Protein backbone atom coordinates (compact mmCIF):
# COMPACT_ATOMS: atom_id res chain seq x y z
CA UNK A 1 0.00 0.00 0.00
CA UNK A 2 1.07 3.57 -0.63
CA UNK A 3 1.40 6.20 2.09
CA UNK A 4 -0.19 9.65 1.86
CA UNK A 5 -0.06 12.88 3.82
CA UNK A 6 -3.16 15.07 3.81
CA UNK A 7 -2.66 18.69 4.86
CA UNK A 8 -5.97 20.39 5.72
CA UNK A 9 -6.78 24.01 6.42
CA UNK A 10 -10.23 24.57 7.89
CA UNK A 11 -12.76 27.12 6.78
CA UNK A 12 -14.62 28.91 9.58
CA UNK A 13 -17.48 26.45 9.05
CA UNK A 14 -15.14 23.46 9.28
CA UNK A 15 -13.58 24.76 12.47
CA UNK A 16 -17.03 25.29 13.97
CA UNK A 17 -17.76 21.66 13.17
CA UNK A 18 -14.62 20.48 14.98
CA UNK A 19 -15.50 22.68 17.97
CA UNK A 20 -19.01 21.18 18.06
CA UNK A 21 -18.05 17.54 17.38
CA UNK A 22 -14.76 17.40 19.28
CA UNK A 23 -11.26 16.63 18.04
CA UNK A 24 -11.22 12.99 19.20
CA UNK A 25 -14.52 12.27 17.45
CA UNK A 26 -13.18 13.81 14.27
CA UNK A 27 -10.03 11.70 14.42
CA UNK A 28 -12.12 8.54 14.87
CA UNK A 29 -14.29 9.52 11.92
CA UNK A 30 -11.23 10.05 9.69
CA UNK A 31 -9.89 6.68 10.78
CA UNK A 32 -13.12 5.10 9.50
CA UNK A 33 -12.76 7.09 6.27
CA UNK A 34 -9.37 5.47 5.65
CA UNK A 35 -10.80 2.04 6.48
CA UNK A 36 -13.74 2.55 4.11
CA UNK A 37 -11.22 3.26 1.35
CA UNK A 38 -9.32 0.05 2.15
CA UNK A 39 -6.53 1.70 4.13
CA UNK A 40 -5.42 2.59 7.62
CA UNK A 41 -4.89 5.89 9.43
CA UNK A 42 -1.44 6.13 11.04
CA UNK A 43 -1.29 9.68 12.35
CA UNK A 44 -3.84 12.46 12.91
CA UNK A 45 -2.58 15.74 14.36
CA UNK A 46 -3.98 19.23 14.71
CA UNK A 47 -1.44 22.03 14.32
CA UNK A 48 -0.80 25.75 14.63
CA UNK A 49 -0.13 27.80 11.51
CA UNK A 50 -1.50 27.80 7.97
CA UNK A 51 -2.23 24.08 8.09
CA UNK A 52 -4.72 23.05 10.77
CA UNK A 53 -4.50 19.29 10.40
CA UNK A 54 -1.98 16.69 9.23
CA UNK A 55 -3.15 13.16 8.52
CA UNK A 56 -0.88 10.29 7.42
CA UNK A 57 -2.05 6.87 6.42
CA UNK A 58 -1.83 4.00 3.99
CA UNK A 59 -4.24 3.62 1.09
CA UNK A 60 -4.42 1.02 -1.67
CA UNK A 61 -3.76 3.43 -4.55
CA UNK A 62 -3.83 6.98 -5.90
CA UNK A 63 -7.53 6.66 -6.81
CA UNK A 64 -8.41 5.97 -3.17
CA UNK A 65 -6.37 8.98 -2.05
CA UNK A 66 -8.03 11.14 -4.69
CA UNK A 67 -11.48 9.96 -3.58
CA UNK A 68 -10.75 11.02 -0.01
CA UNK A 69 -9.28 14.37 -1.11
CA UNK A 70 -12.27 15.11 -3.34
CA UNK A 71 -14.78 14.15 -0.64
CA UNK A 72 -13.04 16.35 1.93
CA UNK A 73 -12.54 19.29 -0.47
CA UNK A 74 -16.15 19.22 -1.65
CA UNK A 75 -17.37 19.47 1.96
CA UNK A 76 -16.19 23.07 2.16
CA UNK A 77 -13.32 22.28 4.51
CA UNK A 78 -11.17 25.20 3.31
CA UNK A 79 -8.30 23.53 1.50
CA UNK A 80 -6.64 20.14 1.30
CA UNK A 81 -3.27 19.17 -0.13
CA UNK A 82 -2.43 15.54 -0.81
CA UNK A 83 1.20 14.40 -0.76
CA UNK A 84 2.24 10.90 -1.78
CA UNK A 85 5.04 9.77 0.51
CA UNK A 86 7.95 7.58 -0.58
CA UNK A 87 9.93 5.05 1.43
CA UNK A 88 13.75 5.11 1.45
CA UNK A 89 13.70 1.96 -0.73
CA UNK A 90 11.54 3.71 -3.31
CA UNK A 91 13.91 6.69 -3.40
CA UNK A 92 16.91 4.36 -3.73
CA UNK A 93 15.17 2.58 -6.62
CA UNK A 94 14.59 5.96 -8.28
CA UNK A 95 18.26 6.87 -7.82
CA UNK A 96 19.18 3.90 -9.99
CA UNK A 97 17.08 4.98 -12.97
CA UNK A 98 19.06 6.82 -15.65
CA UNK A 99 16.68 9.38 -17.12
CA UNK A 100 19.21 10.99 -19.45
CA UNK A 101 18.47 14.40 -17.94
CA UNK A 102 21.10 17.14 -18.16
CA UNK A 103 21.07 20.63 -16.67
CA UNK A 104 20.48 23.49 -19.11
CA UNK A 105 23.75 24.52 -20.76
CA UNK A 106 25.65 21.50 -19.42
PDB file of N, CA and C in Angstrom:
ATOM      1  N   UNK A   1       0.839  -1.188   0.000  1.00  0.00           N
ATOM      2  CA  UNK A   1       0.000   0.000   0.000  1.00  0.00           C
ATOM      3  C   UNK A   1       0.876   1.240   0.000  1.00  0.00           C
ATOM      4  N   UNK A   2       0.359   2.296  -0.577  1.00  0.00           N
ATOM      5  CA  UNK A   2       1.066   3.573  -0.632  1.00  0.00           C
ATOM      6  C   UNK A   2       0.707   4.416   0.591  1.00  0.00           C
ATOM      7  N   UNK A   3       1.604   5.327   0.933  1.00  0.00           N
ATOM      8  CA  UNK A   3       1.397   6.198   2.088  1.00  0.00           C
ATOM      9  C   UNK A   3       1.151   7.625   1.601  1.00  0.00           C
ATOM     10  N   UNK A   4       0.193   8.294   2.255  1.00  0.00           N
ATOM     11  CA  UNK A   4      -0.193   9.646   1.860  1.00  0.00           C
ATOM     12  C   UNK A   4      -0.261  10.553   3.080  1.00  0.00           C
ATOM     13  N   UNK A   5       0.084  11.808   2.836  1.00  0.00           N
ATOM     14  CA  UNK A   5      -0.060  12.880   3.822  1.00  0.00           C
ATOM     15  C   UNK A   5      -1.142  13.817   3.311  1.00  0.00           C
ATOM     16  N   UNK A   6      -2.137  14.072   4.135  1.00  0.00           N
ATOM     17  CA  UNK A   6      -3.160  15.067   3.814  1.00  0.00           C
ATOM     18  C   UNK A   6      -2.943  16.261   4.735  1.00  0.00           C
ATOM     19  N   UNK A   7      -2.814  17.442   4.123  1.00  0.00           N
ATOM     20  CA  UNK A   7      -2.661  18.694   4.863  1.00  0.00           C
ATOM     21  C   UNK A   7      -3.952  19.477   4.678  1.00  0.00           C
ATOM     22  N   UNK A   8      -4.640  19.764   5.780  1.00  0.00           N
ATOM     23  CA  UNK A   8      -5.966  20.388   5.716  1.00  0.00           C
ATOM     24  C   UNK A   8      -5.942  21.733   6.431  1.00  0.00           C
ATOM     25  N   UNK A   9      -6.534  22.719   5.779  1.00  0.00           N
ATOM     26  CA  UNK A   9      -6.783  24.013   6.419  1.00  0.00           C
ATOM     27  C   UNK A   9      -8.296  24.180   6.502  1.00  0.00           C
ATOM     28  N   UNK A  10      -8.786  24.471   7.682  1.00  0.00           N
ATOM     29  CA  UNK A  10     -10.225  24.569   7.891  1.00  0.00           C
ATOM     30  C   UNK A  10     -10.785  25.916   7.466  1.00  0.00           C
ATOM     31  N   UNK A  11     -11.977  25.902   6.937  1.00  0.00           N
ATOM     32  CA  UNK A  11     -12.761  27.124   6.781  1.00  0.00           C
ATOM     33  C   UNK A  11     -13.355  27.423   8.157  1.00  0.00           C
ATOM     34  N   UNK A  12     -13.970  28.583   8.310  1.00  0.00           N
ATOM     35  CA  UNK A  12     -14.617  28.909   9.582  1.00  0.00           C
ATOM     36  C   UNK A  12     -15.697  27.875   9.888  1.00  0.00           C
ATOM     37  N   UNK A  13     -16.427  27.454   8.863  1.00  0.00           N
ATOM     38  CA  UNK A  13     -17.483  26.453   9.048  1.00  0.00           C
ATOM     39  C   UNK A  13     -16.896  25.112   9.506  1.00  0.00           C
ATOM     40  N   UNK A  14     -15.788  24.704   8.889  1.00  0.00           N
ATOM     41  CA  UNK A  14     -15.143  23.457   9.278  1.00  0.00           C
ATOM     42  C   UNK A  14     -14.638  23.494  10.704  1.00  0.00           C
ATOM     43  N   UNK A  15     -14.072  24.613  11.106  1.00  0.00           N
ATOM     44  CA  UNK A  15     -13.580  24.758  12.472  1.00  0.00           C
ATOM     45  C   UNK A  15     -14.737  24.738  13.470  1.00  0.00           C
ATOM     46  N   UNK A  16     -15.850  25.351  13.101  1.00  0.00           N
ATOM     47  CA  UNK A  16     -17.031  25.291  13.975  1.00  0.00           C
ATOM     48  C   UNK A  16     -17.480  23.836  14.149  1.00  0.00           C
ATOM     49  N   UNK A  17     -17.398  23.072  13.091  1.00  0.00           N
ATOM     50  CA  UNK A  17     -17.760  21.657  13.171  1.00  0.00           C
ATOM     51  C   UNK A  17     -16.865  20.885  14.117  1.00  0.00           C
ATOM     52  N   UNK A  18     -15.564  21.142  14.058  1.00  0.00           N
ATOM     53  CA  UNK A  18     -14.625  20.481  14.982  1.00  0.00           C
ATOM     54  C   UNK A  18     -14.916  20.904  16.417  1.00  0.00           C
ATOM     55  N   UNK A  19     -15.193  22.186  16.620  1.00  0.00           N
ATOM     56  CA  UNK A  19     -15.503  22.682  17.965  1.00  0.00           C
ATOM     57  C   UNK A  19     -16.763  22.009  18.508  1.00  0.00           C
ATOM     58  N   UNK A  20     -17.752  21.802  17.647  1.00  0.00           N
ATOM     59  CA  UNK A  20     -19.015  21.180  18.064  1.00  0.00           C
ATOM     60  C   UNK A  20     -18.845  19.674  18.294  1.00  0.00           C
ATOM     61  N   UNK A  21     -18.176  18.998  17.372  1.00  0.00           N
ATOM     62  CA  UNK A  21     -18.054  17.539  17.383  1.00  0.00           C
ATOM     63  C   UNK A  21     -16.975  17.040  18.337  1.00  0.00           C
ATOM     64  N   UNK A  22     -15.892  17.803  18.466  1.00  0.00           N
ATOM     65  CA  UNK A  22     -14.757  17.398  19.280  1.00  0.00           C
ATOM     66  C   UNK A  22     -13.655  16.813  18.417  1.00  0.00           C
ATOM     67  N   UNK A  23     -12.428  17.072  18.818  1.00  0.00           N
ATOM     68  CA  UNK A  23     -11.263  16.635  18.040  1.00  0.00           C
ATOM     69  C   UNK A  23     -11.131  15.119  18.016  1.00  0.00           C
ATOM     70  N   UNK A  24     -11.349  14.453  19.144  1.00  0.00           N
ATOM     71  CA  UNK A  24     -11.219  12.991  19.202  1.00  0.00           C
ATOM     72  C   UNK A  24     -12.265  12.310  18.322  1.00  0.00           C
ATOM     73  N   UNK A  25     -13.472  12.834  18.314  1.00  0.00           N
ATOM     74  CA  UNK A  25     -14.516  12.275  17.450  1.00  0.00           C
ATOM     75  C   UNK A  25     -14.160  12.445  15.986  1.00  0.00           C
ATOM     76  N   UNK A  26     -13.559  13.574  15.656  1.00  0.00           N
ATOM     77  CA  UNK A  26     -13.177  13.811  14.266  1.00  0.00           C
ATOM     78  C   UNK A  26     -12.069  12.853  13.850  1.00  0.00           C
ATOM     79  N   UNK A  27     -11.109  12.631  14.721  1.00  0.00           N
ATOM     80  CA  UNK A  27     -10.026  11.696  14.422  1.00  0.00           C
ATOM     81  C   UNK A  27     -10.569  10.288  14.205  1.00  0.00           C
ATOM     82  N   UNK A  28     -11.513   9.870  15.033  1.00  0.00           N
ATOM     83  CA  UNK A  28     -12.117   8.539  14.872  1.00  0.00           C
ATOM     84  C   UNK A  28     -12.867   8.441  13.544  1.00  0.00           C
ATOM     85  N   UNK A  29     -13.568   9.508  13.187  1.00  0.00           N
ATOM     86  CA  UNK A  29     -14.292   9.517  11.917  1.00  0.00           C
ATOM     87  C   UNK A  29     -13.329   9.393  10.735  1.00  0.00           C
ATOM     88  N   UNK A  30     -12.216  10.112  10.774  1.00  0.00           N
ATOM     89  CA  UNK A  30     -11.235  10.053   9.686  1.00  0.00           C
ATOM     90  C   UNK A  30     -10.591   8.671   9.629  1.00  0.00           C
ATOM     91  N   UNK A  31     -10.387   8.051  10.768  1.00  0.00           N
ATOM     92  CA  UNK A  31      -9.890   6.678  10.784  1.00  0.00           C
ATOM     93  C   UNK A  31     -10.821   5.744  10.027  1.00  0.00           C
ATOM     94  N   UNK A  32     -12.117   5.911  10.228  1.00  0.00           N
ATOM     95  CA  UNK A  32     -13.116   5.102   9.499  1.00  0.00           C
ATOM     96  C   UNK A  32     -13.095   5.425   8.004  1.00  0.00           C
ATOM     97  N   UNK A  33     -12.843   6.688   7.669  1.00  0.00           N
ATOM     98  CA  UNK A  33     -12.759   7.092   6.269  1.00  0.00           C
ATOM     99  C   UNK A  33     -11.644   6.330   5.553  1.00  0.00           C
ATOM    100  N   UNK A  34     -10.485   6.249   6.197  1.00  0.00           N
ATOM    101  CA  UNK A  34      -9.374   5.466   5.645  1.00  0.00           C
ATOM    102  C   UNK A  34      -9.773   3.997   5.490  1.00  0.00           C
ATOM    103  N   UNK A  35     -10.388   3.442   6.520  1.00  0.00           N
ATOM    104  CA  UNK A  35     -10.800   2.035   6.480  1.00  0.00           C
ATOM    105  C   UNK A  35     -11.800   1.779   5.358  1.00  0.00           C
ATOM    106  N   UNK A  36     -12.749   2.686   5.181  1.00  0.00           N
ATOM    107  CA  UNK A  36     -13.742   2.546   4.115  1.00  0.00           C
ATOM    108  C   UNK A  36     -13.089   2.539   2.732  1.00  0.00           C
ATOM    109  N   UNK A  37     -11.944   3.203   2.628  1.00  0.00           N
ATOM    110  CA  UNK A  37     -11.215   3.258   1.353  1.00  0.00           C
ATOM    111  C   UNK A  37     -10.219   2.103   1.231  1.00  0.00           C
ATOM    112  N   UNK A  38     -10.212   1.195   2.209  1.00  0.00           N
ATOM    113  CA  UNK A  38      -9.317   0.051   2.153  1.00  0.00           C
ATOM    114  C   UNK A  38      -7.954   0.293   2.765  1.00  0.00           C
ATOM    115  N   UNK A  39      -7.825   1.359   3.557  1.00  0.00           N
ATOM    116  CA  UNK A  39      -6.531   1.701   4.128  1.00  0.00           C
ATOM    117  C   UNK A  39      -6.549   1.769   5.631  1.00  0.00           C
ATOM    118  N   UNK A  40      -5.548   2.466   6.176  1.00  0.00           N
ATOM    119  CA  UNK A  40      -5.423   2.593   7.624  1.00  0.00           C
ATOM    120  C   UNK A  40      -4.796   3.933   7.983  1.00  0.00           C
ATOM    121  N   UNK A  41      -5.419   4.633   8.911  1.00  0.00           N
ATOM    122  CA  UNK A  41      -4.889   5.885   9.433  1.00  0.00           C
ATOM    123  C   UNK A  41      -3.715   5.591  10.358  1.00  0.00           C
ATOM    124  N   UNK A  42      -2.608   6.305  10.177  1.00  0.00           N
ATOM    125  CA  UNK A  42      -1.439   6.134  11.044  1.00  0.00           C
ATOM    126  C   UNK A  42      -1.259   7.294  12.008  1.00  0.00           C
ATOM    127  N   UNK A  43      -1.559   8.499  11.542  1.00  0.00           N
ATOM    128  CA  UNK A  43      -1.288   9.681  12.347  1.00  0.00           C
ATOM    129  C   UNK A  43      -2.332  10.746  12.030  1.00  0.00           C
ATOM    130  N   UNK A  44      -2.830  11.408  13.068  1.00  0.00           N
ATOM    131  CA  UNK A  44      -3.837  12.458  12.910  1.00  0.00           C
ATOM    132  C   UNK A  44      -3.506  13.534  13.924  1.00  0.00           C
ATOM    133  N   UNK A  45      -3.029  14.684  13.452  1.00  0.00           N
ATOM    134  CA  UNK A  45      -2.584  15.737  14.359  1.00  0.00           C
ATOM    135  C   UNK A  45      -3.103  17.098  13.945  1.00  0.00           C
ATOM    136  N   UNK A  46      -3.642  17.825  14.916  1.00  0.00           N
ATOM    137  CA  UNK A  46      -3.976  19.227  14.708  1.00  0.00           C
ATOM    138  C   UNK A  46      -2.701  20.038  14.891  1.00  0.00           C
ATOM    139  N   UNK A  47      -2.662  21.243  14.299  1.00  0.00           N
ATOM    140  CA  UNK A  47      -1.436  22.033  14.324  1.00  0.00           C
ATOM    141  C   UNK A  47      -1.748  23.522  14.349  1.00  0.00           C
ATOM    142  N   UNK A  48      -0.749  24.300  14.751  1.00  0.00           N
ATOM    143  CA  UNK A  48      -0.799  25.752  14.626  1.00  0.00           C
ATOM    144  C   UNK A  48      -0.312  26.123  13.231  1.00  0.00           C
ATOM    145  N   UNK A  49      -0.666  27.302  12.770  1.00  0.00           N
ATOM    146  CA  UNK A  49      -0.130  27.798  11.508  1.00  0.00           C
ATOM    147  C   UNK A  49      -1.145  27.727  10.376  1.00  0.00           C
ATOM    148  N   UNK A  50      -0.630  27.798   9.152  1.00  0.00           N
ATOM    149  CA  UNK A  50      -1.498  27.802   7.971  1.00  0.00           C
ATOM    150  C   UNK A  50      -2.229  26.483   7.790  1.00  0.00           C
ATOM    151  N   UNK A  51      -1.605  25.393   8.188  1.00  0.00           N
ATOM    152  CA  UNK A  51      -2.229  24.075   8.092  1.00  0.00           C
ATOM    153  C   UNK A  51      -2.773  23.714   9.467  1.00  0.00           C
ATOM    154  N   UNK A  52      -4.062  23.358   9.501  1.00  0.00           N
ATOM    155  CA  UNK A  52      -4.718  23.053  10.768  1.00  0.00           C
ATOM    156  C   UNK A  52      -4.647  21.583  11.150  1.00  0.00           C
ATOM    157  N   UNK A  53      -4.436  20.715  10.147  1.00  0.00           N
ATOM    158  CA  UNK A  53      -4.496  19.286  10.398  1.00  0.00           C
ATOM    159  C   UNK A  53      -3.557  18.532   9.466  1.00  0.00           C
ATOM    160  N   UNK A  54      -2.821  17.581  10.015  1.00  0.00           N
ATOM    161  CA  UNK A  54      -1.976  16.686   9.233  1.00  0.00           C
ATOM    162  C   UNK A  54      -2.456  15.258   9.488  1.00  0.00           C
ATOM    163  N   UNK A  55      -2.701  14.541   8.421  1.00  0.00           N
ATOM    164  CA  UNK A  55      -3.149  13.158   8.519  1.00  0.00           C
ATOM    165  C   UNK A  55      -2.258  12.301   7.627  1.00  0.00           C
ATOM    166  N   UNK A  56      -1.722  11.212   8.180  1.00  0.00           N
ATOM    167  CA  UNK A  56      -0.882  10.292   7.418  1.00  0.00           C
ATOM    168  C   UNK A  56      -1.486   8.910   7.529  1.00  0.00           C
ATOM    169  N   UNK A  57      -1.543   8.226   6.396  1.00  0.00           N
ATOM    170  CA  UNK A  57      -2.048   6.866   6.420  1.00  0.00           C
ATOM    171  C   UNK A  57      -1.736   6.131   5.140  1.00  0.00           C
ATOM    172  N   UNK A  58      -2.031   4.837   5.165  1.00  0.00           N
ATOM    173  CA  UNK A  58      -1.835   3.996   3.988  1.00  0.00           C
ATOM    174  C   UNK A  58      -3.157   3.803   3.274  1.00  0.00           C
ATOM    175  N   UNK A  59      -3.086   3.846   1.950  1.00  0.00           N
ATOM    176  CA  UNK A  59      -4.243   3.616   1.094  1.00  0.00           C
ATOM    177  C   UNK A  59      -3.824   2.714  -0.057  1.00  0.00           C
ATOM    178  N   UNK A  60      -4.774   1.986  -0.632  1.00  0.00           N
ATOM    179  CA  UNK A  60      -4.420   1.022  -1.672  1.00  0.00           C
ATOM    180  C   UNK A  60      -3.801   1.639  -2.925  1.00  0.00           C
ATOM    181  N   UNK A  61      -4.218   2.867  -3.285  1.00  0.00           N
ATOM    182  CA  UNK A  61      -3.757   3.435  -4.547  1.00  0.00           C
ATOM    183  C   UNK A  61      -4.080   4.922  -4.620  1.00  0.00           C
ATOM    184  N   UNK A  62      -3.604   5.541  -5.701  1.00  0.00           N
ATOM    185  CA  UNK A  62      -3.834   6.977  -5.897  1.00  0.00           C
ATOM    186  C   UNK A  62      -5.316   7.308  -6.033  1.00  0.00           C
ATOM    187  N   UNK A  63      -6.091   6.403  -6.647  1.00  0.00           N
ATOM    188  CA  UNK A  63      -7.526   6.662  -6.814  1.00  0.00           C
ATOM    189  C   UNK A  63      -8.217   6.758  -5.456  1.00  0.00           C
ATOM    190  N   UNK A  64      -7.829   5.916  -4.517  1.00  0.00           N
ATOM    191  CA  UNK A  64      -8.410   5.971  -3.169  1.00  0.00           C
ATOM    192  C   UNK A  64      -8.050   7.281  -2.479  1.00  0.00           C
ATOM    193  N   UNK A  65      -6.800   7.709  -2.629  1.00  0.00           N
ATOM    194  CA  UNK A  65      -6.373   8.985  -2.046  1.00  0.00           C
ATOM    195  C   UNK A  65      -7.126  10.143  -2.687  1.00  0.00           C
ATOM    196  N   UNK A  66      -7.297  10.082  -3.997  1.00  0.00           N
ATOM    197  CA  UNK A  66      -8.030  11.140  -4.695  1.00  0.00           C
ATOM    198  C   UNK A  66      -9.489  11.175  -4.244  1.00  0.00           C
ATOM    199  N   UNK A  67     -10.090  10.012  -4.030  1.00  0.00           N
ATOM    200  CA  UNK A  67     -11.480   9.955  -3.577  1.00  0.00           C
ATOM    201  C   UNK A  67     -11.639  10.639  -2.223  1.00  0.00           C
ATOM    202  N   UNK A  68     -10.699  10.372  -1.319  1.00  0.00           N
ATOM    203  CA  UNK A  68     -10.754  11.022  -0.006  1.00  0.00           C
ATOM    204  C   UNK A  68     -10.549  12.528  -0.152  1.00  0.00           C
ATOM    205  N   UNK A  69      -9.555  12.935  -0.928  1.00  0.00           N
ATOM    206  CA  UNK A  69      -9.279  14.367  -1.106  1.00  0.00           C
ATOM    207  C   UNK A  69     -10.479  15.086  -1.714  1.00  0.00           C
ATOM    208  N   UNK A  70     -11.109  14.468  -2.703  1.00  0.00           N
ATOM    209  CA  UNK A  70     -12.269  15.108  -3.335  1.00  0.00           C
ATOM    210  C   UNK A  70     -13.449  15.192  -2.378  1.00  0.00           C
ATOM    211  N   UNK A  71     -13.674  14.132  -1.598  1.00  0.00           N
ATOM    212  CA  UNK A  71     -14.779  14.153  -0.636  1.00  0.00           C
ATOM    213  C   UNK A  71     -14.567  15.245   0.410  1.00  0.00           C
ATOM    214  N   UNK A  72     -13.340  15.343   0.913  1.00  0.00           N
ATOM    215  CA  UNK A  72     -13.043  16.355   1.933  1.00  0.00           C
ATOM    216  C   UNK A  72     -13.134  17.759   1.323  1.00  0.00           C
ATOM    217  N   UNK A  73     -12.531  17.960   0.160  1.00  0.00           N
ATOM    218  CA  UNK A  73     -12.535  19.286  -0.468  1.00  0.00           C
ATOM    219  C   UNK A  73     -13.949  19.751  -0.808  1.00  0.00           C
ATOM    220  N   UNK A  74     -14.792  18.836  -1.253  1.00  0.00           N
ATOM    221  CA  UNK A  74     -16.153  19.217  -1.650  1.00  0.00           C
ATOM    222  C   UNK A  74     -17.044  19.510  -0.451  1.00  0.00           C
ATOM    223  N   UNK A  75     -16.571  19.205   0.762  1.00  0.00           N
ATOM    224  CA  UNK A  75     -17.368  19.467   1.961  1.00  0.00           C
ATOM    225  C   UNK A  75     -17.240  20.915   2.420  1.00  0.00           C
ATOM    226  N   UNK A  76     -16.379  21.685   1.766  1.00  0.00           N
ATOM    227  CA  UNK A  76     -16.186  23.072   2.157  1.00  0.00           C
ATOM    228  C   UNK A  76     -15.200  23.236   3.291  1.00  0.00           C
ATOM    229  N   UNK A  77     -14.258  22.294   3.401  1.00  0.00           N
ATOM    230  CA  UNK A  77     -13.316  22.278   4.509  1.00  0.00           C
ATOM    231  C   UNK A  77     -12.393  23.499   4.528  1.00  0.00           C
ATOM    232  N   UNK A  78     -12.144  24.107   3.439  1.00  0.00           N
ATOM    233  CA  UNK A  78     -11.170  25.201   3.310  1.00  0.00           C
ATOM    234  C   UNK A  78     -10.228  24.823   2.204  1.00  0.00           C
ATOM    235  N   UNK A  79      -9.183  24.042   2.542  1.00  0.00           N
ATOM    236  CA  UNK A  79      -8.296  23.533   1.499  1.00  0.00           C
ATOM    237  C   UNK A  79      -7.684  22.221   1.974  1.00  0.00           C
ATOM    238  N   UNK A  80      -7.302  21.402   1.004  1.00  0.00           N
ATOM    239  CA  UNK A  80      -6.642  20.143   1.298  1.00  0.00           C
ATOM    240  C   UNK A  80      -5.544  19.947   0.278  1.00  0.00           C
ATOM    241  N   UNK A  81      -4.390  19.513   0.745  1.00  0.00           N
ATOM    242  CA  UNK A  81      -3.273  19.173  -0.130  1.00  0.00           C
ATOM    243  C   UNK A  81      -2.923  17.715   0.135  1.00  0.00           C
ATOM    244  N   UNK A  82      -2.766  16.946  -0.926  1.00  0.00           N
ATOM    245  CA  UNK A  82      -2.429  15.536  -0.814  1.00  0.00           C
ATOM    246  C   UNK A  82      -1.000  15.333  -1.275  1.00  0.00           C
ATOM    247  N   UNK A  83      -0.201  14.664  -0.449  1.00  0.00           N
ATOM    248  CA  UNK A  83       1.198  14.405  -0.755  1.00  0.00           C
ATOM    249  C   UNK A  83       1.419  12.897  -0.700  1.00  0.00           C
ATOM    250  N   UNK A  84       1.897  12.323  -1.798  1.00  0.00           N
ATOM    251  CA  UNK A  84       2.240  10.902  -1.783  1.00  0.00           C
ATOM    252  C   UNK A  84       3.638  10.771  -1.199  1.00  0.00           C
ATOM    253  N   UNK A  85       3.768   9.944  -0.189  1.00  0.00           N
ATOM    254  CA  UNK A  85       5.044   9.774   0.506  1.00  0.00           C
ATOM    255  C   UNK A  85       5.784   8.564  -0.050  1.00  0.00           C
ATOM    256  N   UNK A  86       7.105   8.655  -0.057  1.00  0.00           N
ATOM    257  CA  UNK A  86       7.954   7.582  -0.580  1.00  0.00           C
ATOM    258  C   UNK A  86       8.820   7.007   0.528  1.00  0.00           C
ATOM    259  N   UNK A  87       9.043   5.708   0.472  1.00  0.00           N
ATOM    260  CA  UNK A  87       9.931   5.045   1.428  1.00  0.00           C
ATOM    261  C   UNK A  87      11.378   5.256   0.975  1.00  0.00           C
ATOM    262  N   UNK A  88      12.354   5.042   1.867  1.00  0.00           N
ATOM    263  CA  UNK A  88      13.752   5.106   1.449  1.00  0.00           C
ATOM    264  C   UNK A  88      14.055   4.118   0.312  1.00  0.00           C
ATOM    265  N   UNK A  89      13.477   2.930   0.351  1.00  0.00           N
ATOM    266  CA  UNK A  89      13.698   1.958  -0.727  1.00  0.00           C
ATOM    267  C   UNK A  89      13.197   2.471  -2.071  1.00  0.00           C
ATOM    268  N   UNK A  90      12.058   3.161  -2.066  1.00  0.00           N
ATOM    269  CA  UNK A  90      11.535   3.714  -3.314  1.00  0.00           C
ATOM    270  C   UNK A  90      12.458   4.808  -3.853  1.00  0.00           C
ATOM    271  N   UNK A  91      12.987   5.632  -2.973  1.00  0.00           N
ATOM    272  CA  UNK A  91      13.911   6.685  -3.403  1.00  0.00           C
ATOM    273  C   UNK A  91      15.200   6.071  -3.929  1.00  0.00           C
ATOM    274  N   UNK A  92      15.707   5.032  -3.250  1.00  0.00           N
ATOM    275  CA  UNK A  92      16.913   4.363  -3.731  1.00  0.00           C
ATOM    276  C   UNK A  92      16.681   3.716  -5.097  1.00  0.00           C
ATOM    277  N   UNK A  93      15.499   3.153  -5.312  1.00  0.00           N
ATOM    278  CA  UNK A  93      15.174   2.583  -6.623  1.00  0.00           C
ATOM    279  C   UNK A  93      15.161   3.682  -7.684  1.00  0.00           C
ATOM    280  N   UNK A  94      14.623   4.840  -7.342  1.00  0.00           N
ATOM    281  CA  UNK A  94      14.588   5.963  -8.284  1.00  0.00           C
ATOM    282  C   UNK A  94      15.996   6.464  -8.603  1.00  0.00           C
ATOM    283  N   UNK A  95      16.880   6.439  -7.601  1.00  0.00           N
ATOM    284  CA  UNK A  95      18.262   6.870  -7.820  1.00  0.00           C
ATOM    285  C   UNK A  95      18.928   6.051  -8.913  1.00  0.00           C
ATOM    286  N   UNK A  96      18.548   4.798  -9.033  1.00  0.00           N
ATOM    287  CA  UNK A  96      19.175   3.901  -9.991  1.00  0.00           C
ATOM    288  C   UNK A  96      18.638   3.994 -11.406  1.00  0.00           C
ATOM    289  N   UNK A  97      17.674   4.845 -11.641  1.00  0.00           N
ATOM    290  CA  UNK A  97      17.080   4.980 -12.973  1.00  0.00           C
ATOM    291  C   UNK A  97      17.769   6.117 -13.718  1.00  0.00           C
ATOM    292  N   UNK A  98      18.403   5.796 -14.827  1.00  0.00           N
ATOM    293  CA  UNK A  98      19.062   6.817 -15.649  1.00  0.00           C
ATOM    294  C   UNK A  98      18.032   7.434 -16.583  1.00  0.00           C
ATOM    295  N   UNK A  99      17.692   8.685 -16.325  1.00  0.00           N
ATOM    296  CA  UNK A  99      16.678   9.384 -17.120  1.00  0.00           C
ATOM    297  C   UNK A  99      17.260  10.078 -18.338  1.00  0.00           C
ATOM    298  N   UNK A 100      18.571  10.256 -18.350  1.00  0.00           N
ATOM    299  CA  UNK A 100      19.207  10.991 -19.450  1.00  0.00           C
ATOM    300  C   UNK A 100      19.108  12.487 -19.302  1.00  0.00           C
ATOM    301  N   UNK A 101      18.618  12.963 -18.169  1.00  0.00           N
ATOM    302  CA  UNK A 101      18.471  14.402 -17.944  1.00  0.00           C
ATOM    303  C   UNK A 101      19.833  15.062 -17.841  1.00  0.00           C
ATOM    304  N   UNK A 102      19.914  16.308 -18.348  1.00  0.00           N
ATOM    305  CA  UNK A 102      21.097  17.139 -18.155  1.00  0.00           C
ATOM    306  C   UNK A 102      20.615  18.544 -17.809  1.00  0.00           C
ATOM    307  N   UNK A 103      21.405  19.253 -17.035  1.00  0.00           N
ATOM    308  CA  UNK A 103      21.074  20.629 -16.671  1.00  0.00           C
ATOM    309  C   UNK A 103      21.176  21.515 -17.905  1.00  0.00           C
ATOM    310  N   UNK A 104      20.379  22.578 -17.981  1.00  0.00           N
ATOM    311  CA  UNK A 104      20.481  23.495 -19.107  1.00  0.00           C
ATOM    312  C   UNK A 104      21.909  24.030 -19.265  1.00  0.00           C
ATOM    313  N   UNK A 105      22.425  24.000 -20.480  1.00  0.00           N
ATOM    314  CA  UNK A 105      23.746  24.517 -20.762  1.00  0.00           C
ATOM    315  C   UNK A 105      24.890  23.584 -20.388  1.00  0.00           C
ATOM    316  N   UNK A 106      24.575  22.424 -19.843  1.00  0.00           N
ATOM    317  CA  UNK A 106      25.648  21.501 -19.424  1.00  0.00           C
ATOM    318  C   UNK A 106      26.190  20.728 -20.609  1.00  0.00           C
TER     319      UNK A 106
END
